[in-house]
Each structure stands twice: as C-alpha cells, then as structure tokens.
Amino acid sequence: GFFSSLGFAPLPETFWQRSQITRPRDREVVCHASAWNL
C-alpha cells in the first residue's frame, strides 16, 4: 500500500502465490530476508 500510494502498480498476483512470507513448518529454509525477480 505504501508503494501504491505513490502511484506504482500493484504487485502481480503471482507475488502472493509464490513468495515465502512465513516460515514453512515442513522443511528447512533460508530465513534471511531477500527480494527476488525470477
């Protein structure tokens, strides 16, 4: 919402489908925060 308020387009729907926002319970992951564009 901060970026939307500046006039930037919303994030794509795939962002919400594919991001790791919380730590999964069933596997080991890297928790160090990072931003990606695949």
All heavy atoms as atom14 arrays in JSON, in Angstrom:
{
  "sequence": "GFFSSLGFAPLPETFWQRSQITRPRDREVVCHASAWNL",
  "atom14_mask": [
    [1, 1, 1, 1, 0, 0, 0, 0, 0, 0, 0, 0, 0, 0],
    [1, 1, 1, 1, 1, 1, 1, 1, 1, 1, 1, 0, 0, 0],
    [1, 1, 1, 1, 1, 1, 1, 1, 1, 1, 1, 0, 0, 0],
    [1, 1, 1, 1, 1, 1, 0, 0, 0, 0, 0, 0, 0, 0],
    [1, 1, 1, 1, 1, 1, 0, 0, 0, 0, 0, 0, 0, 0],
    [1, 1, 1, 1, 1, 1, 1, 1, 0, 0, 0, 0, 0, 0],
    [1, 1, 1, 1, 0, 0, 0, 0, 0, 0, 0, 0, 0, 0],
    [1, 1, 1, 1, 1, 1, 1, 1, 1, 1, 1, 0, 0, 0],
    [1, 1, 1, 1, 1, 0, 0, 0, 0, 0, 0, 0, 0, 0],
    [1, 1, 1, 1, 1, 1, 1, 0, 0, 0, 0, 0, 0, 0],
    [1, 1, 1, 1, 1, 1, 1, 1, 0, 0, 0, 0, 0, 0],
    [1, 1, 1, 1, 1, 1, 1, 0, 0, 0, 0, 0, 0, 0],
    [1, 1, 1, 1, 1, 1, 1, 1, 1, 0, 0, 0, 0, 0],
    [1, 1, 1, 1, 1, 1, 1, 0, 0, 0, 0, 0, 0, 0],
    [1, 1, 1, 1, 1, 1, 1, 1, 1, 1, 1, 0, 0, 0],
    [1, 1, 1, 1, 1, 1, 1, 1, 1, 1, 1, 1, 1, 1],
    [1, 1, 1, 1, 1, 1, 1, 1, 1, 0, 0, 0, 0, 0],
    [1, 1, 1, 1, 1, 1, 1, 1, 1, 1, 1, 0, 0, 0],
    [1, 1, 1, 1, 1, 1, 0, 0, 0, 0, 0, 0, 0, 0],
    [1, 1, 1, 1, 1, 1, 1, 1, 1, 0, 0, 0, 0, 0],
    [1, 1, 1, 1, 1, 1, 1, 1, 0, 0, 0, 0, 0, 0],
    [1, 1, 1, 1, 1, 1, 1, 0, 0, 0, 0, 0, 0, 0],
    [1, 1, 1, 1, 1, 1, 1, 1, 1, 1, 1, 0, 0, 0],
    [1, 1, 1, 1, 1, 1, 1, 0, 0, 0, 0, 0, 0, 0],
    [1, 1, 1, 1, 1, 1, 1, 1, 1, 1, 1, 0, 0, 0],
    [1, 1, 1, 1, 1, 1, 1, 1, 0, 0, 0, 0, 0, 0],
    [1, 1, 1, 1, 1, 1, 1, 1, 1, 1, 1, 0, 0, 0],
    [1, 1, 1, 1, 1, 1, 1, 1, 1, 0, 0, 0, 0, 0],
    [1, 1, 1, 1, 1, 1, 1, 0, 0, 0, 0, 0, 0, 0],
    [1, 1, 1, 1, 1, 1, 1, 0, 0, 0, 0, 0, 0, 0],
    [1, 1, 1, 1, 1, 1, 0, 0, 0, 0, 0, 0, 0, 0],
    [1, 1, 1, 1, 1, 1, 1, 1, 1, 1, 0, 0, 0, 0],
    [1, 1, 1, 1, 1, 0, 0, 0, 0, 0, 0, 0, 0, 0],
    [1, 1, 1, 1, 1, 1, 0, 0, 0, 0, 0, 0, 0, 0],
    [1, 1, 1, 1, 1, 0, 0, 0, 0, 0, 0, 0, 0, 0],
    [1, 1, 1, 1, 1, 1, 1, 1, 1, 1, 1, 1, 1, 1],
    [1, 1, 1, 1, 1, 1, 1, 1, 0, 0, 0, 0, 0, 0],
    [1, 1, 1, 1, 1, 1, 1, 1, 0, 0, 0, 0, 0, 0]
  ],
  "atom14_positions": [
    [[0.81, -1.22, 0.0], [0.0, 0.0, 0.0], [0.84, 1.26, 0.0], [0.42, 2.29, -0.56], [0.0, 0.0, 0.0], [0.0, 0.0, 0.0], [0.0, 0.0, 0.0], [0.0, 0.0, 0.0], [0.0, 0.0, 0.0], [0.0, 0.0, 0.0], [0.0, 0.0, 0.0], [0.0, 0.0, 0.0], [0.0, 0.0, 0.0], [0.0, 0.0, 0.0]],
    [[2.01, 1.22, 0.61], [2.89, 2.39, 0.59], [3.25, 2.73, -0.85], [3.15, 3.89, -1.28], [4.16, 2.13, 1.41], [5.04, 3.33, 1.58], [5.03, 4.04, 2.76], [5.86, 3.79, 0.56], [5.82, 5.17, 2.94], [6.64, 4.91, 0.71], [6.64, 5.61, 1.9], [0.0, 0.0, 0.0], [0.0, 0.0, 0.0], [0.0, 0.0, 0.0]],
    [[3.65, 1.73, -1.62], [4.05, 1.98, -3.0], [2.86, 2.32, -3.88], [2.96, 3.15, -4.79], [4.81, 0.77, -3.54], [6.16, 0.59, -2.9], [6.31, -0.19, -1.77], [7.28, 1.22, -3.43], [7.54, -0.34, -1.16], [8.51, 1.08, -2.83], [8.65, 0.3, -1.69], [0.0, 0.0, 0.0], [0.0, 0.0, 0.0], [0.0, 0.0, 0.0]],
    [[1.72, 1.69, -3.61], [0.5, 2.04, -4.36], [0.14, 3.5, -4.15], [-0.32, 4.18, -5.07], [-0.65, 1.14, -3.94], [-0.39, -0.22, -4.28], [0.0, 0.0, 0.0], [0.0, 0.0, 0.0], [0.0, 0.0, 0.0], [0.0, 0.0, 0.0], [0.0, 0.0, 0.0], [0.0, 0.0, 0.0], [0.0, 0.0, 0.0], [0.0, 0.0, 0.0]],
    [[0.38, 4.01, -2.93], [0.05, 5.4, -2.64], [0.93, 6.37, -3.44], [0.57, 7.53, -3.63], [0.2, 5.68, -1.14], [1.55, 5.92, -0.79], [0.0, 0.0, 0.0], [0.0, 0.0, 0.0], [0.0, 0.0, 0.0], [0.0, 0.0, 0.0], [0.0, 0.0, 0.0], [0.0, 0.0, 0.0], [0.0, 0.0, 0.0], [0.0, 0.0, 0.0]],
    [[2.09, 5.89, -3.89], [2.98, 6.71, -4.71], [2.67, 6.58, -6.2], [3.33, 7.22, -7.03], [4.44, 6.3, -4.47], [4.97, 6.41, -3.04], [6.43, 5.98, -2.99], [4.81, 7.81, -2.48], [0.0, 0.0, 0.0], [0.0, 0.0, 0.0], [0.0, 0.0, 0.0], [0.0, 0.0, 0.0], [0.0, 0.0, 0.0], [0.0, 0.0, 0.0]],
    [[1.66, 5.75, -6.54], [1.27, 5.59, -7.93], [1.83, 4.37, -8.61], [1.61, 4.18, -9.82], [0.0, 0.0, 0.0], [0.0, 0.0, 0.0], [0.0, 0.0, 0.0], [0.0, 0.0, 0.0], [0.0, 0.0, 0.0], [0.0, 0.0, 0.0], [0.0, 0.0, 0.0], [0.0, 0.0, 0.0], [0.0, 0.0, 0.0], [0.0, 0.0, 0.0]],
    [[2.55, 3.51, -7.89], [3.08, 2.29, -8.5], [1.97, 1.25, -8.64], [1.08, 1.17, -7.8], [4.21, 1.71, -7.65], [5.49, 2.51, -7.71], [5.72, 3.54, -6.81], [6.46, 2.23, -8.66], [6.9, 4.28, -6.86], [7.63, 2.96, -8.71], [7.86, 3.99, -7.82], [0.0, 0.0, 0.0], [0.0, 0.0, 0.0], [0.0, 0.0, 0.0]],
    [[2.04, 0.47, -9.7], [1.05, -0.58, -9.94], [1.12, -1.63, -8.85], [2.19, -1.88, -8.28], [1.29, -1.22, -11.31], [0.0, 0.0, 0.0], [0.0, 0.0, 0.0], [0.0, 0.0, 0.0], [0.0, 0.0, 0.0], [0.0, 0.0, 0.0], [0.0, 0.0, 0.0], [0.0, 0.0, 0.0], [0.0, 0.0, 0.0], [0.0, 0.0, 0.0]],
    [[0.0, -2.29, -8.55], [0.01, -3.34, -7.52], [0.97, -4.47, -7.9], [1.3, -4.67, -9.08], [-1.44, -3.83, -7.49], [-2.24, -2.73, -8.11], [-1.35, -2.07, -9.11], [0.0, 0.0, 0.0], [0.0, 0.0, 0.0], [0.0, 0.0, 0.0], [0.0, 0.0, 0.0], [0.0, 0.0, 0.0], [0.0, 0.0, 0.0], [0.0, 0.0, 0.0]],
    [[1.39, -5.21, -6.91], [2.22, -6.39, -7.17], [1.4, -7.42, -7.93], [0.17, -7.5, -7.76], [2.72, -6.98, -5.85], [3.72, -6.1, -5.08], [3.87, -6.58, -3.64], [5.07, -6.09, -5.79], [0.0, 0.0, 0.0], [0.0, 0.0, 0.0], [0.0, 0.0, 0.0], [0.0, 0.0, 0.0], [0.0, 0.0, 0.0], [0.0, 0.0, 0.0]],
    [[2.04, -8.23, -8.77], [1.29, -9.23, -9.54], [0.71, -10.31, -8.63], [1.21, -10.54, -7.53], [2.35, -9.81, -10.48], [3.64, -9.57, -9.78], [3.48, -8.27, -9.06], [0.0, 0.0, 0.0], [0.0, 0.0, 0.0], [0.0, 0.0, 0.0], [0.0, 0.0, 0.0], [0.0, 0.0, 0.0], [0.0, 0.0, 0.0], [0.0, 0.0, 0.0]],
    [[-0.33, -10.95, -9.09], [-0.97, -12.0, -8.3], [0.02, -13.13, -7.97], [-0.04, -13.74, -6.91], [-2.18, -12.57, -9.05], [-3.01, -13.54, -8.23], [-3.57, -12.91, -6.96], [-3.86, -11.7, -6.96], [-3.69, -13.64, -5.95], [0.0, 0.0, 0.0], [0.0, 0.0, 0.0], [0.0, 0.0, 0.0], [0.0, 0.0, 0.0], [0.0, 0.0, 0.0]],
    [[0.96, -13.37, -8.9], [1.94, -14.42, -8.64], [2.82, -14.11, -7.44], [3.36, -15.03, -6.82], [2.83, -14.64, -9.88], [3.39, -13.37, -10.28], [2.04, -15.24, -11.02], [0.0, 0.0, 0.0], [0.0, 0.0, 0.0], [0.0, 0.0, 0.0], [0.0, 0.0, 0.0], [0.0, 0.0, 0.0], [0.0, 0.0, 0.0], [0.0, 0.0, 0.0]],
    [[3.0, -12.84, -7.11], [3.79, -12.48, -5.92], [3.19, -13.13, -4.69], [3.91, -13.7, -3.84], [3.81, -10.96, -5.76], [4.47, -10.5, -4.48], [5.82, -10.23, -4.44], [3.72, -10.33, -3.31], [6.44, -9.81, -3.27], [4.32, -9.9, -2.13], [5.69, -9.65, -2.11], [0.0, 0.0, 0.0], [0.0, 0.0, 0.0], [0.0, 0.0, 0.0]],
    [[1.87, -13.07, -4.57], [1.19, -13.6, -3.39], [1.15, -15.13, -3.43], [1.11, -15.77, -2.37], [-0.21, -13.02, -3.3], [-0.18, -11.52, -3.36], [-0.51, -10.72, -4.42], [0.25, -10.64, -2.32], [-0.31, -9.4, -4.11], [0.16, -9.31, -2.82], [0.7, -10.83, -1.01], [0.49, -8.21, -2.05], [1.04, -9.72, -0.25], [0.93, -8.44, -0.77]],
    [[1.17, -15.7, -4.6], [1.12, -17.16, -4.72], [2.48, -17.81, -4.49], [2.58, -18.93, -3.98], [0.62, -17.55, -6.12], [-0.79, -17.09, -6.44], [-1.11, -17.18, -7.92], [-0.24, -17.44, -8.75], [-2.38, -16.95, -8.27], [0.0, 0.0, 0.0], [0.0, 0.0, 0.0], [0.0, 0.0, 0.0], [0.0, 0.0, 0.0], [0.0, 0.0, 0.0]],
    [[3.57, -17.1, -4.85], [4.89, -17.74, -4.9], [5.86, -17.25, -3.84], [6.89, -17.89, -3.63], [5.5, -17.51, -6.29], [4.66, -18.11, -7.4], [5.15, -17.66, -8.78], [4.28, -18.19, -9.85], [4.4, -17.87, -11.13], [5.36, -17.02, -11.53], [3.58, -18.39, -12.02], [0.0, 0.0, 0.0], [0.0, 0.0, 0.0], [0.0, 0.0, 0.0]],
    [[5.59, -16.14, -3.2], [6.52, -15.65, -2.17], [6.52, -16.57, -0.95], [5.52, -17.24, -0.66], [6.13, -14.24, -1.73], [6.42, -13.28, -2.71], [0.0, 0.0, 0.0], [0.0, 0.0, 0.0], [0.0, 0.0, 0.0], [0.0, 0.0, 0.0], [0.0, 0.0, 0.0], [0.0, 0.0, 0.0], [0.0, 0.0, 0.0], [0.0, 0.0, 0.0]],
    [[7.64, -16.59, -0.24], [7.7, -17.21, 1.08], [7.58, -16.09, 2.1], [8.53, -15.38, 2.38], [9.02, -17.96, 1.28], [9.15, -18.56, 2.68], [10.53, -19.12, 2.96], [10.92, -20.12, 2.37], [11.28, -18.46, 3.85], [0.0, 0.0, 0.0], [0.0, 0.0, 0.0], [0.0, 0.0, 0.0], [0.0, 0.0, 0.0], [0.0, 0.0, 0.0]],
    [[6.38, -15.91, 2.62], [6.12, -14.82, 3.55], [6.31, -15.27, 5.0], [6.79, -14.51, 5.84], [4.71, -14.24, 3.32], [4.67, -13.55, 1.94], [4.31, -13.26, 4.42], [3.3, -13.07, 1.52], [0.0, 0.0, 0.0], [0.0, 0.0, 0.0], [0.0, 0.0, 0.0], [0.0, 0.0, 0.0], [0.0, 0.0, 0.0], [0.0, 0.0, 0.0]],
    [[5.95, -16.51, 5.29], [6.17, -17.07, 6.62], [7.0, -18.34, 6.5], [7.12, -18.93, 5.42], [4.84, -17.4, 7.32], [4.09, -18.31, 6.49], [4.02, -16.15, 7.55], [0.0, 0.0, 0.0], [0.0, 0.0, 0.0], [0.0, 0.0, 0.0], [0.0, 0.0, 0.0], [0.0, 0.0, 0.0], [0.0, 0.0, 0.0], [0.0, 0.0, 0.0]],
    [[7.56, -18.76, 7.58], [8.41, -19.96, 7.58], [7.56, -21.22, 7.46], [6.65, -21.43, 8.26], [9.24, -20.03, 8.86], [10.15, -21.24, 8.9], [11.09, -21.21, 10.07], [12.11, -22.24, 9.9], [13.35, -22.13, 10.33], [13.74, -21.03, 10.95], [14.21, -23.11, 10.14], [0.0, 0.0, 0.0], [0.0, 0.0, 0.0], [0.0, 0.0, 0.0]],
    [[7.83, -22.05, 6.46], [7.09, -23.31, 6.35], [7.39, -24.21, 7.55], [8.48, -24.17, 8.12], [7.63, -23.93, 5.05], [8.28, -22.81, 4.32], [8.79, -21.88, 5.36], [0.0, 0.0, 0.0], [0.0, 0.0, 0.0], [0.0, 0.0, 0.0], [0.0, 0.0, 0.0], [0.0, 0.0, 0.0], [0.0, 0.0, 0.0], [0.0, 0.0, 0.0]],
    [[6.43, -25.03, 7.89], [6.6, -25.92, 9.04], [7.22, -27.26, 8.67], [7.62, -28.02, 9.55], [5.24, -26.17, 9.71], [4.59, -24.91, 10.28], [3.28, -25.25, 10.95], [2.64, -24.06, 11.53], [1.48, -24.08, 12.17], [0.83, -25.23, 12.32], [0.96, -22.97, 12.67], [0.0, 0.0, 0.0], [0.0, 0.0, 0.0], [0.0, 0.0, 0.0]],
    [[7.27, -27.56, 7.37], [7.62, -28.92, 6.96], [9.01, -29.06, 6.35], [9.35, -30.11, 5.82], [6.57, -29.43, 5.95], [6.53, -28.57, 4.7], [7.04, -27.42, 4.73], [6.0, -29.04, 3.66], [0.0, 0.0, 0.0], [0.0, 0.0, 0.0], [0.0, 0.0, 0.0], [0.0, 0.0, 0.0], [0.0, 0.0, 0.0], [0.0, 0.0, 0.0]],
    [[9.84, -28.01, 6.39], [11.14, -28.12, 5.74], [12.07, -27.01, 6.22], [11.63, -26.03, 6.83], [10.99, -28.03, 4.22], [10.37, -26.74, 3.72], [10.11, -26.82, 2.22], [9.69, -25.57, 1.63], [8.42, -25.19, 1.5], [7.45, -25.97, 1.98], [8.11, -24.06, 0.91], [0.0, 0.0, 0.0], [0.0, 0.0, 0.0], [0.0, 0.0, 0.0]],
    [[13.36, -27.21, 5.93], [14.36, -26.2, 6.25], [14.41, -25.16, 5.13], [14.35, -25.52, 3.94], [15.74, -26.85, 6.41], [15.87, -27.74, 7.63], [15.69, -26.98, 8.93], [16.23, -25.85, 9.03], [15.02, -27.49, 9.84], [0.0, 0.0, 0.0], [0.0, 0.0, 0.0], [0.0, 0.0, 0.0], [0.0, 0.0, 0.0], [0.0, 0.0, 0.0]],
    [[14.52, -23.89, 5.51], [14.58, -22.81, 4.53], [15.6, -21.77, 5.01], [16.0, -21.76, 6.17], [13.2, -22.12, 4.35], [12.15, -23.1, 3.87], [12.76, -21.44, 5.66], [0.0, 0.0, 0.0], [0.0, 0.0, 0.0], [0.0, 0.0, 0.0], [0.0, 0.0, 0.0], [0.0, 0.0, 0.0], [0.0, 0.0, 0.0], [0.0, 0.0, 0.0]],
    [[15.99, -20.89, 4.1], [16.81, -19.74, 4.46], [15.87, -18.62, 4.87], [15.06, -18.15, 4.06], [17.7, -19.29, 3.28], [18.46, -18.02, 3.65], [18.67, -20.39, 2.88], [0.0, 0.0, 0.0], [0.0, 0.0, 0.0], [0.0, 0.0, 0.0], [0.0, 0.0, 0.0], [0.0, 0.0, 0.0], [0.0, 0.0, 0.0], [0.0, 0.0, 0.0]],
    [[15.98, -18.17, 6.12], [15.06, -17.15, 6.61], [15.56, -15.73, 6.37], [14.78, -14.78, 6.49], [14.78, -17.35, 8.1], [13.52, -18.62, 8.43], [0.0, 0.0, 0.0], [0.0, 0.0, 0.0], [0.0, 0.0, 0.0], [0.0, 0.0, 0.0], [0.0, 0.0, 0.0], [0.0, 0.0, 0.0], [0.0, 0.0, 0.0], [0.0, 0.0, 0.0]],
    [[16.84, -15.56, 6.07], [17.38, -14.23, 5.84], [16.56, -13.52, 4.76], [16.41, -14.04, 3.64], [18.84, -14.3, 5.42], [19.52, -12.97, 5.3], [19.95, -12.27, 6.4], [19.82, -12.2, 4.23], [20.5, -11.13, 6.0], [20.43, -11.06, 4.69], [0.0, 0.0, 0.0], [0.0, 0.0, 0.0], [0.0, 0.0, 0.0], [0.0, 0.0, 0.0]],
    [[16.01, -12.36, 5.08], [15.09, -11.68, 4.18], [15.77, -11.3, 2.87], [16.9, -10.81, 2.85], [14.51, -10.43, 4.85], [0.0, 0.0, 0.0], [0.0, 0.0, 0.0], [0.0, 0.0, 0.0], [0.0, 0.0, 0.0], [0.0, 0.0, 0.0], [0.0, 0.0, 0.0], [0.0, 0.0, 0.0], [0.0, 0.0, 0.0], [0.0, 0.0, 0.0]],
    [[15.07, -11.5, 1.75], [15.6, -11.13, 0.44], [14.46, -10.9, -0.53], [13.33, -11.34, -0.31], [16.54, -12.22, -0.1], [15.91, -13.48, -0.15], [0.0, 0.0, 0.0], [0.0, 0.0, 0.0], [0.0, 0.0, 0.0], [0.0, 0.0, 0.0], [0.0, 0.0, 0.0], [0.0, 0.0, 0.0], [0.0, 0.0, 0.0], [0.0, 0.0, 0.0]],
    [[14.77, -10.17, -1.61], [13.79, -9.84, -2.64], [14.27, -10.4, -3.97], [15.45, -10.29, -4.3], [13.62, -8.32, -2.74], [0.0, 0.0, 0.0], [0.0, 0.0, 0.0], [0.0, 0.0, 0.0], [0.0, 0.0, 0.0], [0.0, 0.0, 0.0], [0.0, 0.0, 0.0], [0.0, 0.0, 0.0], [0.0, 0.0, 0.0], [0.0, 0.0, 0.0]],
    [[13.37, -10.99, -4.73], [13.72, -11.72, -5.94], [12.87, -11.27, -7.12], [11.73, -10.85, -6.96], [13.48, -13.22, -5.74], [14.25, -13.88, -4.65], [14.23, -13.58, -3.31], [15.16, -14.96, -4.79], [15.07, -14.41, -2.62], [15.65, -15.28, -3.49], [15.6, -15.73, -5.88], [16.57, -16.3, -3.27], [16.51, -16.76, -5.65], [17.0, -17.03, -4.37]],
    [[13.44, -11.41, -8.31], [12.68, -11.37, -9.55], [13.2, -12.49, -10.43], [14.28, -12.41, -10.99], [12.82, -10.02, -10.27], [11.88, -9.89, -11.45], [11.23, -10.86, -11.83], [11.79, -8.72, -12.03], [0.0, 0.0, 0.0], [0.0, 0.0, 0.0], [0.0, 0.0, 0.0], [0.0, 0.0, 0.0], [0.0, 0.0, 0.0], [0.0, 0.0, 0.0]],
    [[12.42, -13.56, -10.55], [12.95, -14.78, -11.15], [13.03, -14.75, -12.66], [13.84, -15.45, -13.25], [12.14, -16.01, -10.69], [12.68, -16.62, -9.38], [12.35, -15.76, -8.19], [12.19, -18.04, -9.2], [0.0, 0.0, 0.0], [0.0, 0.0, 0.0], [0.0, 0.0, 0.0], [0.0, 0.0, 0.0], [0.0, 0.0, 0.0], [0.0, 0.0, 0.0]]
  ]
}
